[in-house]
Amino acid sequence: MSQQKTAYRSAIIQIIADPKEVDIEEAYRYFEDGLLVVENGYIVDVGDYIETLAKHNGDMAMVNYQDKIITAGFIDTHIHYPQTGMIASYGEQLLDWLENYTFPEEERFKDPEYAKKVAKIFLNELASNGTTTALVFGTVHKQSVDMFFQEAQRRNLRMICGKVLMDRNAPDYLTDTPECGYNDSKELIEKWHNNGRLSYAVTPRFAPTSTPEQLAMVGQLLQEYPSVYMHTHLSENKQEIEWVKSLFPDREGYLDVYDHYGLLHQRSVFAHGVHLSDCECQRLSDTGSAIAFCPTSNLFLGSGLFDLTRIENFGIRVGMGTDVGAGTSFSLMQTMSEAYKIMQLQQQKLHPIKSLYQATLGGAKALYLDNKIGSLEVGKEADFVVLEPNATTLMKFRMQQTKTLEEKLFVLMSLGDDRTVHATYVYGDLAYKNE
């Protein structure tokens, strides 16, 4: 972490509120010529260049990002690091896709060196796409999480990860037991949770791959360690939902399985939630649980269209997730583009300011980290991304036609990808530069 006070001059966009709760123009601040001042890993000032510079004595390094845009680092609320090597696997829906592609690849993570290799590739991809925080699935192998956390800690990243728990309906080479799952999770929690910028998530894969005994064990861990996260999947696919009903006939529905074992609380994040009843939505809201909206994987696996407006009307916290490897890109820019299309298919609009909110401050709120990250506010950790609006010939030409900031952001989200990310900063230090 750099100790020197450093000021970054650029156009700066600050997301400060959810556009659902305030008028669009009140949801953000924009400084066409702005200054972001960072010291000891934290934001100490931000505002108009001339006004902000005048408040300091000039005893700071200056970095000029002319014709760029600085915003908060992106937050990915659902992604699988072990699926990096099988992204873009052809032609299956969820359950067959798991059997044919996911499980064979995850077996390789019994080798710690392979896990370490993939963790490095994975975190490099996040950085090059402007993602500074993620909620991450490991594999059933304890060492896969150890390797991930070691690499994340070396880079001083704010990351959340957990060992997958599966004790049935999966290949023998990927199953554990309630007892060993408990012991491994407990050891990992005590080693990594709140270790620097790292946090732990208890991670049952999804209800069909855990016995009632294992789900009860997850609830026990959440009681013993109330500050950890709980990360799993929910109502992604209609065939999956029917499978859950057949496995848990005494429960009222998919969410009730998790609820019965005490898995709903303020740091529970459920990926997808495409097919939820009103009662399930209300229960998620009442418990402070969150949903990760994963548009690219929902389209890729043919799972369905997530109704963001309906979910938010229940007061549920929602973050954005790439869901690599069913998701087809590490880029939250591309994910925002797919989210817009999903809303269009439901005759709804997704404003570019709202998209940026979901990928930054909305994700931080879903993870209960908005007091630390998610926006460029004084006192928050200095995780931020420098965007290049003219990254390609087409984008440069298209930007010349734009008349407003909102139009410029929409072009970024529609045409942008990793080429749009000029630089990524983690805790005040340069983590990636697009040379």
Protein backbone atom coordinates (compact mmCIF):
# COMPACT_ATOMS: atom_id res chain seq x y z
CA MET A 1 0.00 0.00 0.00
CA SER A 2 1.36 3.39 -1.04
CA GLN A 3 1.88 5.78 1.89
CA GLN A 4 2.24 8.88 -0.28
CA LYS A 5 -0.67 11.20 -0.85
CA THR A 6 -1.54 10.99 -4.55
CA ALA A 7 -4.07 12.98 -6.57
CA TYR A 8 -5.67 11.65 -9.75
CA ARG A 9 -6.99 14.20 -12.23
CA SER A 10 -9.74 12.99 -14.55
CA ALA A 11 -13.44 13.17 -15.19
CA ILE A 12 -14.96 11.56 -12.09
CA ILE A 13 -18.39 10.05 -11.54
CA GLN A 14 -19.58 9.45 -7.98
CA ILE A 15 -22.57 7.17 -7.50
CA ILE A 16 -24.14 8.27 -4.22
CA ALA A 17 -27.64 6.74 -4.17
CA ASP A 18 -29.95 4.18 -5.76
CA PRO A 19 -31.81 5.77 -8.69
CA LYS A 20 -34.86 3.80 -7.57
CA GLU A 21 -34.98 5.89 -4.39
CA VAL A 22 -34.10 9.34 -5.76
CA ASP A 23 -34.30 11.21 -9.04
CA ILE A 24 -31.57 10.20 -11.50
CA GLU A 25 -29.78 13.54 -11.20
CA GLU A 26 -29.62 13.11 -7.41
CA ALA A 27 -28.12 9.61 -7.63
CA TYR A 28 -24.68 10.78 -8.76
CA ARG A 29 -22.21 13.65 -8.88
CA TYR A 30 -20.08 14.31 -11.94
CA PHE A 31 -16.91 16.35 -12.13
CA GLU A 32 -15.91 16.91 -15.74
CA ASP A 33 -12.48 18.02 -14.50
CA GLY A 34 -12.17 16.31 -11.14
CA LEU A 35 -9.55 15.37 -8.58
CA LEU A 36 -9.47 12.20 -6.47
CA VAL A 37 -7.02 12.38 -3.55
CA VAL A 38 -5.79 9.13 -1.98
CA GLU A 39 -3.57 8.52 1.03
CA ASN A 40 -2.70 5.33 2.92
CA GLY A 41 -5.19 3.34 0.87
CA TYR A 42 -8.17 5.63 1.56
CA ILE A 43 -9.96 8.42 -0.27
CA VAL A 44 -9.24 11.69 1.55
CA ASP A 45 -10.83 14.13 -0.89
CA VAL A 46 -12.76 14.24 -4.15
CA GLY A 47 -14.31 17.04 -6.14
CA ASP A 48 -13.74 19.71 -8.76
CA TYR A 49 -10.07 19.92 -9.73
CA ILE A 50 -9.43 23.59 -8.97
CA GLU A 51 -11.46 23.65 -5.74
CA THR A 52 -10.01 20.40 -4.42
CA LEU A 53 -6.42 21.24 -5.32
CA ALA A 54 -6.72 24.57 -3.46
CA LYS A 55 -7.52 22.69 -0.22
CA HIS A 56 -4.19 20.87 -0.25
CA ASN A 57 -0.66 22.21 0.10
CA GLY A 58 0.65 20.65 -3.06
CA ASP A 59 2.61 18.01 -1.12
CA MET A 60 1.28 15.15 -3.19
CA ALA A 61 2.06 13.24 -6.34
CA MET A 62 -0.11 14.04 -9.35
CA VAL A 63 -1.38 11.52 -11.92
CA ASN A 64 -3.18 12.91 -14.95
CA TYR A 65 -5.77 10.75 -16.71
CA GLN A 66 -6.80 13.15 -19.43
CA ASP A 67 -9.93 12.21 -21.40
CA LYS A 68 -10.62 9.30 -19.04
CA ILE A 69 -13.38 8.64 -16.47
CA ILE A 70 -12.74 7.47 -12.91
CA THR A 71 -15.42 5.54 -11.05
CA ALA A 72 -15.53 3.15 -8.11
CA GLY A 73 -14.14 -0.33 -8.69
CA PHE A 74 -16.66 -2.88 -9.89
CA ILE A 75 -18.13 -5.43 -7.46
CA ASP A 76 -19.01 -8.91 -8.70
CA THR A 77 -21.48 -10.55 -6.32
CA HIS A 78 -21.37 -14.04 -7.84
CA ILE A 79 -18.54 -15.79 -9.69
CA HIS A 80 -16.81 -19.21 -9.72
CA TYR A 81 -13.03 -19.05 -9.91
CA PRO A 82 -12.66 -22.82 -10.61
CA GLN A 83 -14.75 -22.42 -13.77
CA THR A 84 -12.24 -20.08 -15.43
CA GLY A 85 -10.89 -22.92 -17.56
CA MET A 86 -14.30 -24.04 -18.85
CA ILE A 87 -15.92 -20.71 -19.66
CA ALA A 88 -17.80 -20.83 -23.00
CA SER A 89 -18.68 -24.54 -22.88
CA TYR A 90 -21.22 -25.36 -25.55
CA GLY A 91 -24.78 -26.46 -25.62
CA GLU A 92 -26.29 -27.42 -22.26
CA GLN A 93 -28.74 -26.13 -19.70
CA LEU A 94 -27.90 -25.96 -16.02
CA LEU A 95 -28.03 -29.54 -14.71
CA ASP A 96 -26.42 -31.20 -17.74
CA TRP A 97 -23.88 -28.38 -17.92
CA LEU A 98 -22.80 -29.08 -14.34
CA GLU A 99 -22.46 -32.81 -15.01
CA ASN A 100 -20.66 -32.56 -18.34
CA TYR A 101 -18.38 -29.57 -17.85
CA THR A 102 -18.26 -28.14 -14.33
CA PHE A 103 -17.68 -31.18 -12.16
CA PRO A 104 -14.84 -32.67 -14.27
CA GLU A 105 -13.01 -29.33 -14.25
CA GLU A 106 -13.47 -28.81 -10.52
CA GLU A 107 -11.88 -32.21 -9.81
CA ARG A 108 -8.55 -30.73 -10.95
CA PHE A 109 -8.53 -28.41 -7.93
CA LYS A 110 -7.51 -31.23 -5.63
CA ASP A 111 -4.03 -30.24 -6.86
CA PRO A 112 -3.01 -27.09 -4.92
CA GLU A 113 -0.60 -26.02 -7.68
CA TYR A 114 -3.37 -26.09 -10.25
CA ALA A 115 -5.63 -24.12 -7.90
CA LYS A 116 -2.88 -21.54 -7.41
CA LYS A 117 -2.32 -21.24 -11.16
CA VAL A 118 -6.02 -20.66 -11.84
CA ALA A 119 -6.35 -18.23 -8.93
CA LYS A 120 -3.65 -16.06 -10.48
CA ILE A 121 -5.28 -16.14 -13.92
CA PHE A 122 -8.69 -15.44 -12.36
CA LEU A 123 -7.53 -12.45 -10.30
CA ASN A 124 -5.62 -11.04 -13.27
CA GLU A 125 -8.82 -11.22 -15.31
CA LEU A 126 -10.78 -9.43 -12.60
CA ALA A 127 -8.20 -6.63 -12.45
CA SER A 128 -8.09 -6.19 -16.22
CA ASN A 129 -11.87 -5.84 -16.22
CA GLY A 130 -11.96 -3.28 -13.40
CA THR A 131 -13.36 -5.64 -10.75
CA THR A 132 -11.88 -4.97 -7.31
CA THR A 133 -14.17 -7.06 -5.07
CA ALA A 134 -15.94 -10.36 -5.72
CA LEU A 135 -17.97 -13.00 -3.90
CA VAL A 136 -16.35 -16.20 -5.11
CA PHE A 137 -17.07 -19.93 -5.18
CA GLY A 138 -14.14 -22.28 -4.58
CA THR A 139 -14.43 -26.05 -4.95
CA VAL A 140 -15.11 -28.79 -2.42
CA HIS A 141 -11.35 -28.98 -1.86
CA LYS A 142 -10.15 -27.00 1.15
CA GLN A 143 -6.87 -26.23 -0.62
CA SER A 144 -8.68 -24.47 -3.46
CA VAL A 145 -9.83 -21.81 -1.00
CA ASP A 146 -6.44 -21.62 0.70
CA MET A 147 -4.74 -20.97 -2.63
CA PHE A 148 -7.32 -18.36 -3.61
CA PHE A 149 -7.02 -16.45 -0.34
CA GLN A 150 -3.21 -16.58 -0.42
CA GLU A 151 -3.15 -14.98 -3.84
CA ALA A 152 -5.85 -12.43 -2.97
CA GLN A 153 -4.01 -11.46 0.21
CA ARG A 154 -0.77 -10.99 -1.69
CA ARG A 155 -2.58 -8.43 -3.87
CA ASN A 156 -4.30 -6.76 -0.90
CA LEU A 157 -7.73 -7.42 -2.42
CA ARG A 158 -11.09 -7.22 -0.69
CA MET A 159 -12.41 -10.67 -1.58
CA ILE A 160 -14.95 -13.13 -0.17
CA CYS A 161 -14.64 -16.86 -0.86
CA GLY A 162 -15.68 -20.23 0.50
CA LYS A 163 -15.24 -23.97 0.18
CA VAL A 164 -18.10 -25.66 -1.65
CA LEU A 165 -20.19 -28.08 0.42
CA MET A 166 -21.68 -31.08 -1.43
CA ASP A 167 -22.45 -34.45 0.11
CA ARG A 168 -24.83 -35.96 -2.45
CA ASN A 169 -25.98 -35.85 -6.10
CA ALA A 170 -22.45 -35.13 -7.31
CA PRO A 171 -19.53 -37.33 -8.39
CA ASP A 172 -17.80 -39.17 -5.56
CA TYR A 173 -14.60 -37.28 -6.31
CA LEU A 174 -16.35 -33.98 -5.43
CA THR A 175 -18.37 -34.89 -2.35
CA ASP A 176 -17.58 -34.33 1.30
CA THR A 177 -19.56 -35.19 4.44
CA PRO A 178 -21.37 -32.96 6.92
CA GLU A 179 -18.60 -33.62 9.44
CA CYS A 180 -15.58 -32.94 7.21
CA GLY A 181 -17.40 -30.04 5.55
CA TYR A 182 -17.94 -28.51 8.97
CA ASN A 183 -14.36 -29.07 10.09
CA ASP A 184 -12.83 -27.74 6.87
CA SER A 185 -15.10 -24.69 6.84
CA LYS A 186 -14.41 -23.95 10.50
CA GLU A 187 -10.66 -24.12 9.94
CA LEU A 188 -10.88 -21.86 6.89
CA ILE A 189 -13.08 -19.35 8.71
CA GLU A 190 -10.68 -19.08 11.62
CA LYS A 191 -7.72 -18.72 9.25
CA TRP A 192 -9.10 -16.27 6.70
CA HIS A 193 -12.27 -14.49 7.84
CA ASN A 194 -11.50 -10.84 8.59
CA ASN A 195 -7.85 -11.52 7.83
CA GLY A 196 -6.89 -8.16 6.31
CA ARG A 197 -9.40 -7.40 3.56
CA LEU A 198 -10.60 -11.00 3.24
CA SER A 199 -13.92 -12.52 4.34
CA TYR A 200 -15.32 -16.04 4.35
CA ALA A 201 -18.57 -17.33 2.86
CA VAL A 202 -20.08 -20.65 3.94
CA THR A 203 -20.89 -22.14 0.54
CA PRO A 204 -23.36 -24.98 0.00
CA ARG A 205 -23.45 -25.36 -3.79
CA PHE A 206 -27.25 -25.55 -3.93
CA ALA A 207 -29.96 -27.46 -2.12
CA PRO A 208 -29.93 -30.58 -4.36
CA THR A 209 -26.29 -31.36 -3.57
CA SER A 210 -26.61 -31.14 0.21
CA THR A 211 -28.41 -33.52 2.55
CA PRO A 212 -30.60 -32.15 5.34
CA GLU A 213 -27.74 -33.02 7.71
CA GLN A 214 -25.29 -30.87 5.79
CA LEU A 215 -27.72 -27.92 5.51
CA ALA A 216 -28.25 -28.13 9.27
CA MET A 217 -24.47 -27.96 9.65
CA VAL A 218 -24.40 -24.79 7.50
CA GLY A 219 -26.96 -23.24 9.82
CA GLN A 220 -24.80 -24.23 12.80
CA LEU A 221 -21.74 -22.53 11.27
CA LEU A 222 -23.75 -19.35 10.69
CA GLN A 223 -24.78 -19.34 14.33
CA GLU A 224 -21.24 -19.94 15.54
CA TYR A 225 -19.76 -17.31 13.20
CA PRO A 226 -22.50 -14.70 12.70
CA SER A 227 -20.30 -12.29 10.72
CA VAL A 228 -19.51 -14.71 7.87
CA TYR A 229 -21.36 -14.76 4.55
CA MET A 230 -23.60 -17.50 3.17
CA HIS A 231 -23.37 -17.97 -0.60
CA THR A 232 -25.41 -20.35 -2.72
CA HIS A 233 -27.77 -20.66 -5.70
CA LEU A 234 -31.54 -20.23 -5.77
CA SER A 235 -34.31 -20.72 -8.35
CA GLU A 236 -32.09 -20.44 -11.40
CA ASN A 237 -33.78 -23.03 -13.59
CA LYS A 238 -37.30 -24.52 -13.60
CA GLN A 239 -36.01 -28.11 -13.82
CA GLU A 240 -33.77 -27.39 -10.81
CA ILE A 241 -36.77 -26.09 -8.84
CA GLU A 242 -38.74 -29.26 -9.51
CA TRP A 243 -35.76 -31.33 -8.41
CA VAL A 244 -35.62 -29.44 -5.12
CA LYS A 245 -39.33 -30.08 -4.55
CA SER A 246 -38.82 -33.82 -5.07
CA LEU A 247 -35.84 -33.92 -2.69
CA PHE A 248 -37.50 -31.86 0.06
CA PRO A 249 -41.23 -32.69 -0.17
CA ASP A 250 -41.92 -31.41 3.35
CA ARG A 251 -40.77 -27.89 2.54
CA GLU A 252 -42.99 -25.23 0.98
CA GLY A 253 -40.53 -24.37 -1.78
CA TYR A 254 -36.90 -23.87 -2.75
CA LEU A 255 -36.23 -20.90 -0.48
CA ASP A 256 -38.00 -22.59 2.42
CA VAL A 257 -35.40 -25.36 2.30
CA TYR A 258 -32.68 -22.83 3.11
CA ASP A 259 -34.90 -20.94 5.55
CA HIS A 260 -35.76 -24.10 7.49
CA TYR A 261 -32.08 -24.68 8.24
CA GLY A 262 -31.36 -21.07 9.21
CA LEU A 263 -29.49 -19.98 6.10
CA LEU A 264 -31.17 -16.58 5.60
CA HIS A 265 -29.50 -13.59 7.22
CA GLN A 266 -28.01 -10.20 6.38
CA ARG A 267 -24.97 -11.59 4.62
CA SER A 268 -26.74 -14.34 2.69
CA VAL A 269 -26.35 -13.94 -1.06
CA PHE A 270 -28.43 -16.07 -3.40
CA ALA A 271 -27.36 -16.23 -7.02
CA HIS A 272 -30.06 -15.86 -9.68
CA GLY A 273 -33.53 -15.88 -8.11
CA VAL A 274 -35.08 -15.90 -11.57
CA HIS A 275 -38.24 -17.81 -10.62
CA LEU A 276 -39.37 -16.63 -7.18
CA SER A 277 -42.86 -16.47 -5.68
CA ASP A 278 -44.11 -13.36 -3.92
CA CYS A 279 -43.81 -15.13 -0.56
CA GLU A 280 -40.20 -16.00 -1.26
CA CYS A 281 -39.44 -12.42 -2.27
CA GLN A 282 -40.99 -11.10 0.93
CA ARG A 283 -38.98 -13.53 3.03
CA LEU A 284 -35.71 -12.51 1.36
CA SER A 285 -36.58 -8.89 2.07
CA ASP A 286 -37.53 -9.53 5.70
CA THR A 287 -34.23 -11.30 6.42
CA GLY A 288 -31.99 -8.74 4.69
CA SER A 289 -30.77 -11.36 2.23
CA ALA A 290 -29.50 -10.37 -1.23
CA ILE A 291 -29.77 -11.66 -4.79
CA ALA A 292 -26.98 -11.63 -7.37
CA PHE A 293 -28.42 -10.72 -10.79
CA CYS A 294 -26.43 -12.75 -13.36
CA PRO A 295 -27.71 -11.78 -16.82
CA THR A 296 -25.06 -13.37 -19.04
CA SER A 297 -25.35 -16.82 -17.45
CA ASN A 298 -29.15 -16.64 -17.33
CA LEU A 299 -29.13 -16.09 -21.08
CA PHE A 300 -26.31 -18.54 -21.82
CA LEU A 301 -27.99 -21.42 -19.97
CA GLY A 302 -31.50 -20.43 -21.05
CA SER A 303 -32.61 -20.08 -17.43
CA GLY A 304 -35.00 -17.15 -17.81
CA LEU A 305 -35.35 -13.38 -17.40
CA PHE A 306 -34.68 -11.81 -14.01
CA ASP A 307 -37.30 -9.17 -13.15
CA LEU A 308 -35.19 -6.55 -11.39
CA THR A 309 -38.06 -4.11 -10.91
CA ARG A 310 -40.29 -6.71 -9.24
CA ILE A 311 -37.50 -7.90 -6.95
CA GLU A 312 -36.60 -4.36 -5.89
CA ASN A 313 -40.24 -3.53 -5.21
CA PHE A 314 -40.00 -6.05 -2.38
CA GLY A 315 -37.02 -4.15 -0.98
CA ILE A 316 -34.51 -6.92 -1.69
CA ARG A 317 -30.85 -5.96 -2.04
CA VAL A 318 -29.52 -6.76 -5.51
CA GLY A 319 -25.93 -6.92 -6.77
CA MET A 320 -24.60 -7.78 -10.22
CA GLY A 321 -22.76 -11.03 -10.94
CA THR A 322 -20.83 -12.26 -13.97
CA ASP A 323 -21.27 -15.91 -12.87
CA VAL A 324 -18.20 -17.07 -14.78
CA GLY A 325 -18.07 -19.80 -16.14
CA ALA A 326 -21.75 -20.02 -17.14
CA GLY A 327 -21.40 -16.28 -17.55
CA THR A 328 -19.44 -15.58 -20.70
CA SER A 329 -17.32 -12.62 -19.63
CA PHE A 330 -15.39 -11.34 -16.63
CA SER A 331 -16.43 -7.84 -17.72
CA LEU A 332 -19.12 -6.14 -15.67
CA MET A 333 -19.39 -3.69 -18.58
CA GLN A 334 -20.59 -6.54 -20.80
CA THR A 335 -22.75 -7.82 -17.94
CA MET A 336 -24.45 -4.42 -17.72
CA SER A 337 -25.12 -4.59 -21.45
CA GLU A 338 -26.80 -7.99 -21.10
CA ALA A 339 -28.80 -6.75 -18.11
CA TYR A 340 -30.17 -3.94 -20.26
CA LYS A 341 -31.29 -6.45 -22.88
CA ILE A 342 -32.97 -8.66 -20.27
CA MET A 343 -34.96 -5.66 -19.07
CA GLN A 344 -35.85 -4.72 -22.66
CA LEU A 345 -37.29 -8.19 -23.21
CA GLN A 346 -39.64 -7.46 -20.31
CA GLN A 347 -40.62 -4.04 -21.72
CA GLN A 348 -38.61 -2.28 -19.01
CA LYS A 349 -35.72 0.16 -19.15
CA LEU A 350 -32.40 0.01 -17.31
CA HIS A 351 -30.89 3.47 -17.04
CA PRO A 352 -27.08 3.64 -17.38
CA ILE A 353 -26.78 5.35 -13.98
CA LYS A 354 -28.78 2.49 -12.48
CA SER A 355 -26.51 -0.03 -14.20
CA LEU A 356 -23.41 1.65 -12.79
CA TYR A 357 -25.06 1.74 -9.36
CA GLN A 358 -25.72 -2.03 -9.52
CA ALA A 359 -22.10 -2.74 -10.44
CA THR A 360 -20.66 -0.54 -7.68
CA LEU A 361 -22.61 0.84 -4.71
CA GLY A 362 -25.51 -1.61 -5.19
CA GLY A 363 -23.10 -4.53 -5.03
CA ALA A 364 -21.48 -3.07 -1.93
CA LYS A 365 -24.88 -2.75 -0.24
CA ALA A 366 -25.78 -6.32 -1.19
CA LEU A 367 -22.60 -7.42 0.59
CA TYR A 368 -23.06 -5.00 3.52
CA LEU A 369 -19.75 -3.38 2.59
CA ASP A 370 -21.03 0.04 1.53
CA ASN A 371 -19.33 1.61 4.55
CA LYS A 372 -15.99 0.52 3.04
CA ILE A 373 -16.28 0.32 -0.76
CA GLY A 374 -18.65 0.91 -3.67
CA SER A 375 -18.41 4.68 -4.07
CA LEU A 376 -15.79 7.40 -4.28
CA GLU A 377 -16.50 8.97 -0.91
CA VAL A 378 -14.10 10.38 1.64
CA GLY A 379 -13.11 7.74 4.17
CA LYS A 380 -13.74 4.75 1.92
CA GLU A 381 -11.08 2.39 0.65
CA ALA A 382 -9.48 3.57 -2.58
CA ASP A 383 -10.60 0.85 -4.97
CA PHE A 384 -11.30 2.54 -8.30
CA VAL A 385 -11.14 2.05 -12.05
CA VAL A 386 -10.03 4.40 -14.83
CA LEU A 387 -12.18 3.97 -17.93
CA GLU A 388 -11.15 4.82 -21.49
CA PRO A 389 -14.20 6.05 -23.46
CA ASN A 390 -12.19 6.00 -26.72
CA ALA A 391 -10.84 2.47 -26.36
CA THR A 392 -11.69 1.41 -29.92
CA THR A 393 -12.06 3.21 -33.22
CA LEU A 394 -15.81 2.62 -33.15
CA MET A 395 -16.17 3.85 -29.57
CA LYS A 396 -14.14 6.97 -30.30
CA PHE A 397 -16.35 7.78 -33.29
CA ARG A 398 -19.54 7.00 -31.37
CA MET A 399 -18.43 9.16 -28.39
CA GLN A 400 -18.11 12.13 -30.73
CA GLN A 401 -21.86 11.90 -31.31
CA THR A 402 -22.81 11.86 -27.62
CA LYS A 403 -24.29 14.95 -25.99
CA THR A 404 -24.73 13.95 -22.32
CA LEU A 405 -22.88 12.00 -19.65
CA GLU A 406 -25.70 9.47 -19.50
CA GLU A 407 -25.40 8.84 -23.23
CA LYS A 408 -21.63 8.45 -22.91
CA LEU A 409 -22.07 5.92 -20.09
CA PHE A 410 -24.58 3.95 -22.12
CA VAL A 411 -22.14 3.72 -25.02
CA LEU A 412 -19.45 2.52 -22.58
CA MET A 413 -21.77 -0.17 -21.26
CA SER A 414 -23.02 -1.22 -24.68
CA LEU A 415 -19.68 -1.36 -26.49
CA GLY A 416 -17.22 -1.65 -23.62
CA ASP A 417 -15.22 -4.63 -22.38
CA ASP A 418 -11.74 -5.13 -20.92
CA ARG A 419 -10.33 -2.78 -23.57
CA THR A 420 -12.33 -0.01 -21.90
CA VAL A 421 -10.43 -0.47 -18.63
CA HIS A 422 -7.35 1.75 -18.74
CA ALA A 423 -6.23 1.14 -15.13
CA THR A 424 -7.43 -0.51 -11.93
CA TYR A 425 -6.42 0.60 -8.44
CA VAL A 426 -6.70 -1.56 -5.32
CA TYR A 427 -6.41 0.10 -1.92
CA GLY A 428 -4.67 3.04 -3.54
CA ASP A 429 -2.11 1.01 -5.50
CA LEU A 430 -2.03 0.39 -9.24
CA ALA A 431 -3.12 -3.21 -9.80
CA TYR A 432 -3.50 -3.16 -13.59
CA LYS A 433 -2.56 -0.87 -16.47
CA ASN A 434 -3.65 -1.34 -20.07
CA GLU A 435 -0.46 -0.44 -21.92
